Amino acid sequence: MKEHNKQSPRNWKDALVLLLDEKELQEAKTAYDILGSIAIIEVPKSLKKKAKLIARTLLDVNPKLKTILMKAGQHSGTFRTQKLKYLAGEKTKVCEYKENGTRLRFNVEKTYFSARLSTERKRIAEQVKDNEDVLVMFSGAAPYVCVIGRNTKAKTITGVEINPKAHKYALENVKLNKLKNSFLIRKNVHKLKNKDFEKISAPVVFDRIAMPLPKTADEFLNDTFKFSKKGTIIHLYDFLHEFEFKEVEQKILVAAKKANINVKILKFTKCGQYSPRKYRVCVDFVVE
């Protein structure tokens, strides 16, 4: 045995070398997501019997982690949530997460959340001008709402979310971040009415609208246009192959024509790779 193998492993990859044989190492997934003190790992079927041992090894080499969960399904359903299985450490699925000057608390299994959008949330916040009224559709546990609320001089930020559990954490996060200019509505975006905003003293038209739904956000464009005005900037998200960028632009233009308004595409931003040659993309456009 080589001398370095007798020493304590410096990281998880080194630890797995001591734990798995060569074939298993080739199959092992060494990338993982961290949300606060929770790590979410992926274990292939061939290594399921060693899943708990793999998880305990990660706890041993990373003292900042307290809980290891394993992906047990894909994001699915109306709420785009993902089944997670507990493997090691403290038995919890509620994380305490910090990002862009905010503190967020939520259940990682019951709420859709992507830490990989941290940079993108910052990008949007940096565009918000003083005294803007901002609407965040599909706002989840309110990461966009809180990042904008803590880092800008927006007049108001309103989040709309259909998932009751995510909405519960959103209410908690707005208080946690001491936001005085934020409003939250629990409702299906398709069913939003002016009275839903008026009831909580929120504005009914907005200077900026973010649509961070991971899929099918374009199906809500007609709803979005109802709460926009001339000059409103809209941020639409989608998963797209490189050759599909023009297709989503066409969807926006067709929806705008049906709503009898004009829009101008401002920018396409890649917000991370989803799979080979497929990206999470944000299309920024303005109502003219």
Protein backbone atom coordinates (compact mmCIF):
# COMPACT_ATOMS: atom_id res chain seq x y z
CA MET A 1 0.00 0.00 0.00
CA LYS A 2 1.26 3.45 -0.88
CA GLU A 3 2.23 5.76 1.96
CA HIS A 4 -0.44 8.40 1.18
CA ASN A 5 -3.17 5.76 1.56
CA LYS A 6 -2.14 5.29 5.21
CA GLN A 7 -2.82 8.92 5.95
CA SER A 8 -6.21 10.46 6.67
CA PRO A 9 -7.95 11.32 3.36
CA ARG A 10 -7.84 15.04 2.50
CA ASN A 11 -11.20 15.06 0.73
CA TRP A 12 -14.14 12.88 -0.27
CA LYS A 13 -12.54 11.66 -3.49
CA ASP A 14 -9.48 10.48 -1.56
CA ALA A 15 -11.75 8.77 0.98
CA LEU A 16 -13.65 6.92 -1.75
CA VAL A 17 -10.35 5.55 -3.11
CA LEU A 18 -9.92 3.75 0.22
CA LEU A 19 -13.56 2.61 0.27
CA LEU A 20 -14.32 1.43 -3.27
CA ASP A 21 -12.64 -0.81 -5.83
CA GLU A 22 -11.60 0.48 -9.26
CA LYS A 23 -14.88 -0.45 -11.00
CA GLU A 24 -16.96 1.14 -8.22
CA LEU A 25 -14.86 4.30 -8.35
CA GLN A 26 -15.66 4.70 -12.03
CA GLU A 27 -19.39 4.47 -11.25
CA ALA A 28 -19.36 6.70 -8.17
CA LYS A 29 -20.76 10.25 -8.36
CA THR A 30 -18.43 12.61 -6.54
CA ALA A 31 -20.28 15.89 -7.17
CA TYR A 32 -22.87 16.89 -4.59
CA ASP A 33 -25.00 19.88 -3.59
CA ILE A 34 -24.59 21.65 -0.26
CA LEU A 35 -27.47 23.53 1.34
CA GLY A 36 -26.34 24.87 4.69
CA SER A 37 -25.13 21.84 6.64
CA ILE A 38 -26.99 19.36 4.40
CA ALA A 39 -25.29 17.57 1.50
CA ILE A 40 -27.37 15.94 -1.23
CA ILE A 41 -25.54 13.16 -3.02
CA GLU A 42 -26.31 10.86 -5.95
CA VAL A 43 -25.60 7.15 -5.59
CA PRO A 44 -25.90 4.82 -8.64
CA LYS A 45 -27.94 1.63 -8.27
CA SER A 46 -24.79 -0.48 -8.36
CA LEU A 47 -23.55 1.19 -5.14
CA LYS A 48 -26.85 1.39 -3.22
CA LYS A 49 -25.67 -1.24 -0.69
CA LYS A 50 -22.75 1.03 0.20
CA ALA A 51 -24.81 4.25 0.22
CA LYS A 52 -24.77 4.73 4.01
CA LEU A 53 -21.06 3.95 4.23
CA ILE A 54 -20.37 6.45 1.43
CA ALA A 55 -22.47 9.05 3.26
CA ARG A 56 -20.71 8.53 6.60
CA THR A 57 -17.38 8.91 4.80
CA LEU A 58 -18.46 12.31 3.49
CA LEU A 59 -19.42 13.37 7.02
CA ASP A 60 -15.99 12.29 8.27
CA VAL A 61 -14.04 14.36 5.74
CA ASN A 62 -16.25 17.47 5.80
CA PRO A 63 -16.85 18.66 9.39
CA LYS A 64 -19.12 21.49 8.19
CA LEU A 65 -21.75 18.95 7.11
CA LYS A 66 -24.24 17.53 9.59
CA THR A 67 -26.68 15.63 7.37
CA ILE A 68 -26.32 13.54 4.21
CA LEU A 69 -29.35 12.91 1.96
CA MET A 70 -29.52 10.91 -1.25
CA LYS A 71 -31.49 11.73 -4.40
CA ALA A 72 -34.30 9.16 -4.67
CA GLY A 73 -36.07 10.51 -7.74
CA GLN A 74 -36.21 13.33 -10.28
CA HIS A 75 -37.84 16.73 -9.81
CA SER A 76 -41.48 16.20 -10.69
CA GLY A 77 -45.08 17.25 -10.11
CA THR A 78 -46.66 20.68 -9.95
CA PHE A 79 -44.28 21.77 -7.20
CA ARG A 80 -41.15 20.41 -9.00
CA THR A 81 -39.95 18.75 -5.77
CA GLN A 82 -37.55 15.82 -5.44
CA LYS A 83 -37.74 12.76 -3.19
CA LEU A 84 -34.72 12.51 -0.90
CA LYS A 85 -33.62 9.65 1.35
CA TYR A 86 -31.86 10.18 4.69
CA LEU A 87 -28.48 8.41 4.90
CA ALA A 88 -26.34 9.76 7.75
CA GLY A 89 -25.86 12.43 10.41
CA GLU A 90 -28.63 14.50 11.98
CA LYS A 91 -32.03 13.28 10.81
CA THR A 92 -33.48 16.40 9.22
CA LYS A 93 -34.46 17.76 5.81
CA VAL A 94 -34.71 21.39 6.92
CA CYS A 95 -31.70 23.50 6.07
CA GLU A 96 -30.37 26.87 7.21
CA TYR A 97 -28.85 28.45 4.12
CA LYS A 98 -27.03 31.74 3.52
CA GLU A 99 -26.75 33.50 0.18
CA ASN A 100 -26.11 37.03 -1.08
CA GLY A 101 -26.53 38.58 2.35
CA THR A 102 -29.71 36.63 3.15
CA ARG A 103 -30.67 33.80 5.48
CA LEU A 104 -33.10 31.19 4.18
CA ARG A 105 -34.77 28.27 5.91
CA PHE A 106 -36.71 25.55 4.09
CA ASN A 107 -37.34 21.81 3.74
CA VAL A 108 -35.11 20.63 0.88
CA GLU A 109 -37.51 17.84 -0.07
CA LYS A 110 -40.78 19.78 0.10
CA THR A 111 -39.55 22.96 -1.63
CA TYR A 112 -37.97 23.47 -5.03
CA PHE A 113 -34.69 25.31 -4.57
CA SER A 114 -31.47 25.57 -6.60
CA ALA A 115 -28.30 26.81 -4.94
CA ARG A 116 -26.84 26.95 -8.46
CA LEU A 117 -29.02 29.99 -9.14
CA SER A 118 -27.25 32.05 -6.47
CA THR A 119 -25.24 34.00 -9.06
CA GLU A 120 -28.34 34.47 -11.19
CA ARG A 121 -30.37 35.85 -8.28
CA LYS A 122 -27.54 38.31 -7.70
CA ARG A 123 -27.56 39.25 -11.41
CA ILE A 124 -31.27 40.07 -11.28
CA ALA A 125 -30.91 42.03 -8.02
CA GLU A 126 -28.12 44.12 -9.55
CA GLN A 127 -30.51 45.20 -12.32
CA VAL A 128 -33.26 46.38 -9.97
CA LYS A 129 -33.46 50.16 -9.87
CA ASP A 130 -34.49 52.28 -6.91
CA ASN A 131 -38.25 52.38 -6.23
CA GLU A 132 -39.09 49.53 -8.62
CA ASP A 133 -42.11 47.34 -7.96
CA VAL A 134 -40.94 43.76 -8.53
CA LEU A 135 -43.04 40.61 -8.99
CA VAL A 136 -41.54 37.13 -8.53
CA MET A 137 -43.74 34.36 -9.89
CA PHE A 138 -43.19 30.78 -8.65
CA SER A 139 -41.30 32.31 -5.72
CA GLY A 140 -40.87 29.13 -3.63
CA ALA A 141 -39.38 29.79 -0.20
CA ALA A 142 -38.69 33.38 -1.38
CA PRO A 143 -34.97 33.33 -2.33
CA TYR A 144 -35.48 35.89 -5.13
CA VAL A 145 -37.73 37.98 -2.90
CA CYS A 146 -35.21 38.01 -0.06
CA VAL A 147 -32.12 38.61 -2.22
CA ILE A 148 -33.81 41.55 -3.96
CA GLY A 149 -35.23 42.82 -0.67
CA ARG A 150 -31.87 42.75 1.12
CA ASN A 151 -29.69 44.05 -1.71
CA THR A 152 -31.72 46.72 -3.50
CA LYS A 153 -33.85 49.79 -2.88
CA ALA A 154 -36.88 48.31 -4.59
CA LYS A 155 -40.13 49.90 -3.52
CA THR A 156 -41.92 46.55 -3.22
CA ILE A 157 -41.21 42.88 -3.93
CA THR A 158 -44.19 40.52 -4.29
CA GLY A 159 -43.81 36.73 -4.47
CA VAL A 160 -46.48 34.31 -5.72
CA GLU A 161 -46.23 30.59 -4.95
CA ILE A 162 -48.70 27.70 -5.21
CA ASN A 163 -46.89 25.21 -2.91
CA PRO A 164 -48.29 25.67 0.65
CA LYS A 165 -45.16 24.31 2.35
CA ALA A 166 -42.86 26.57 0.32
CA HIS A 167 -45.16 29.52 1.05
CA LYS A 168 -44.95 28.77 4.78
CA TYR A 169 -41.15 28.98 4.66
CA ALA A 170 -41.34 32.09 2.47
CA LEU A 171 -43.33 33.87 5.19
CA GLU A 172 -40.73 32.77 7.72
CA ASN A 173 -37.83 33.93 5.51
CA VAL A 174 -39.29 37.39 4.94
CA LYS A 175 -39.43 37.80 8.75
CA LEU A 176 -35.97 36.26 9.17
CA ASN A 177 -34.51 38.86 6.79
CA LYS A 178 -36.52 41.70 8.37
CA LEU A 179 -38.05 42.78 5.08
CA LYS A 180 -40.68 45.50 5.38
CA ASN A 181 -41.43 45.97 1.67
CA SER A 182 -42.21 42.36 0.69
CA PHE A 183 -45.58 40.73 0.04
CA LEU A 184 -46.42 37.05 -0.43
CA ILE A 185 -49.41 35.40 -2.09
CA ARG A 186 -50.18 31.67 -2.11
CA LYS A 187 -52.00 31.01 -5.36
CA ASN A 188 -51.79 29.44 -8.81
CA VAL A 189 -50.38 32.10 -11.14
CA HIS A 190 -53.03 31.20 -13.74
CA LYS A 191 -55.72 32.24 -11.25
CA LEU A 192 -54.19 35.53 -10.10
CA LYS A 193 -56.54 38.51 -10.02
CA ASN A 194 -56.00 42.18 -9.22
CA LYS A 195 -57.92 41.68 -5.97
CA ASP A 196 -55.27 39.20 -4.75
CA PHE A 197 -52.72 42.02 -4.80
CA GLU A 198 -55.11 44.70 -3.54
CA LYS A 199 -56.06 42.54 -0.56
CA ILE A 200 -52.52 42.73 0.82
CA SER A 201 -51.89 46.32 -0.37
CA ALA A 202 -49.41 45.17 -3.04
CA PRO A 203 -49.21 46.86 -6.46
CA VAL A 204 -51.10 45.30 -9.40
CA VAL A 205 -48.65 46.30 -12.16
CA PHE A 206 -44.90 45.94 -11.95
CA ASP A 207 -41.67 47.41 -13.28
CA ARG A 208 -39.94 44.02 -13.30
CA ILE A 209 -41.22 40.43 -13.30
CA ALA A 210 -39.10 37.32 -12.68
CA MET A 211 -40.41 33.91 -13.80
CA PRO A 212 -37.95 31.37 -12.31
CA LEU A 213 -40.01 28.26 -13.02
CA PRO A 214 -37.60 25.50 -14.09
CA LYS A 215 -39.95 24.28 -16.85
CA THR A 216 -43.02 25.52 -18.78
CA ALA A 217 -42.71 29.14 -17.61
CA ASP A 218 -43.60 30.25 -21.15
CA GLU A 219 -47.11 28.84 -20.59
CA PHE A 220 -47.66 31.64 -18.06
CA LEU A 221 -46.71 34.54 -20.31
CA ASN A 222 -50.30 35.65 -20.85
CA ASP A 223 -50.74 35.83 -17.06
CA THR A 224 -47.52 37.82 -16.79
CA PHE A 225 -48.61 40.40 -19.35
CA LYS A 226 -51.73 41.16 -17.26
CA PHE A 227 -49.52 42.65 -14.56
CA SER A 228 -47.05 44.45 -16.80
CA LYS A 229 -46.97 47.89 -18.42
CA LYS A 230 -44.88 49.76 -20.95
CA GLY A 231 -41.27 49.46 -19.79
CA THR A 232 -41.74 46.33 -17.66
CA ILE A 233 -38.70 44.05 -17.86
CA ILE A 234 -39.46 40.32 -17.71
CA HIS A 235 -36.99 37.52 -16.89
CA LEU A 236 -38.21 34.19 -18.31
CA TYR A 237 -36.36 30.96 -17.44
CA ASP A 238 -36.25 27.70 -19.35
CA PHE A 239 -34.12 24.61 -20.02
CA LEU A 240 -32.95 24.83 -23.62
CA HIS A 241 -30.59 23.16 -26.05
CA GLU A 242 -28.32 25.60 -27.86
CA PHE A 243 -30.38 25.26 -31.06
CA GLU A 244 -33.64 26.06 -29.21
CA PHE A 245 -32.84 29.64 -28.21
CA LYS A 246 -34.69 31.04 -31.23
CA GLU A 247 -37.71 28.84 -30.42
CA VAL A 248 -38.28 30.38 -27.00
CA GLU A 249 -37.88 33.84 -28.51
CA GLN A 250 -40.64 32.95 -30.97
CA LYS A 251 -42.88 31.72 -28.12
CA ILE A 252 -42.47 35.08 -26.39
CA LEU A 253 -43.28 37.03 -29.55
CA VAL A 254 -46.36 34.89 -30.31
CA ALA A 255 -47.68 35.27 -26.73
CA ALA A 256 -47.12 39.03 -26.90
CA LYS A 257 -49.01 39.27 -30.19
CA LYS A 258 -51.96 37.38 -28.70
CA ALA A 259 -51.95 39.81 -25.77
CA ASN A 260 -51.81 42.70 -28.26
CA ILE A 261 -48.56 44.12 -26.90
CA ASN A 262 -45.07 44.65 -28.28
CA VAL A 263 -41.92 43.27 -26.69
CA LYS A 264 -38.20 43.48 -27.38
CA ILE A 265 -35.71 40.74 -26.54
CA LEU A 266 -32.83 42.20 -24.56
CA LYS A 267 -30.53 39.33 -23.64
CA PHE A 268 -30.04 35.57 -23.30
CA THR A 269 -28.06 34.48 -20.23
CA LYS A 270 -26.85 30.92 -19.58
CA CYS A 271 -27.43 30.22 -15.88
CA GLY A 272 -25.79 26.80 -15.72
CA GLN A 273 -25.58 23.54 -17.67
CA TYR A 274 -28.44 21.07 -17.20
CA SER A 275 -27.10 18.28 -19.42
CA PRO A 276 -24.74 18.03 -22.44
CA ARG A 277 -25.46 21.06 -24.68
CA LYS A 278 -28.60 21.86 -22.66
CA TYR A 279 -28.66 24.92 -20.42
CA ARG A 280 -30.80 26.74 -17.92
CA VAL A 281 -31.35 30.01 -19.75
CA CYS A 282 -32.84 33.35 -18.75
CA VAL A 283 -34.39 35.47 -21.49
CA ASP A 284 -34.62 39.15 -20.53
CA PHE A 285 -37.15 41.16 -22.54
CA VAL A 286 -39.05 44.43 -22.19
CA VAL A 287 -42.65 45.42 -22.87
CA GLU A 288 -42.71 48.30 -25.37
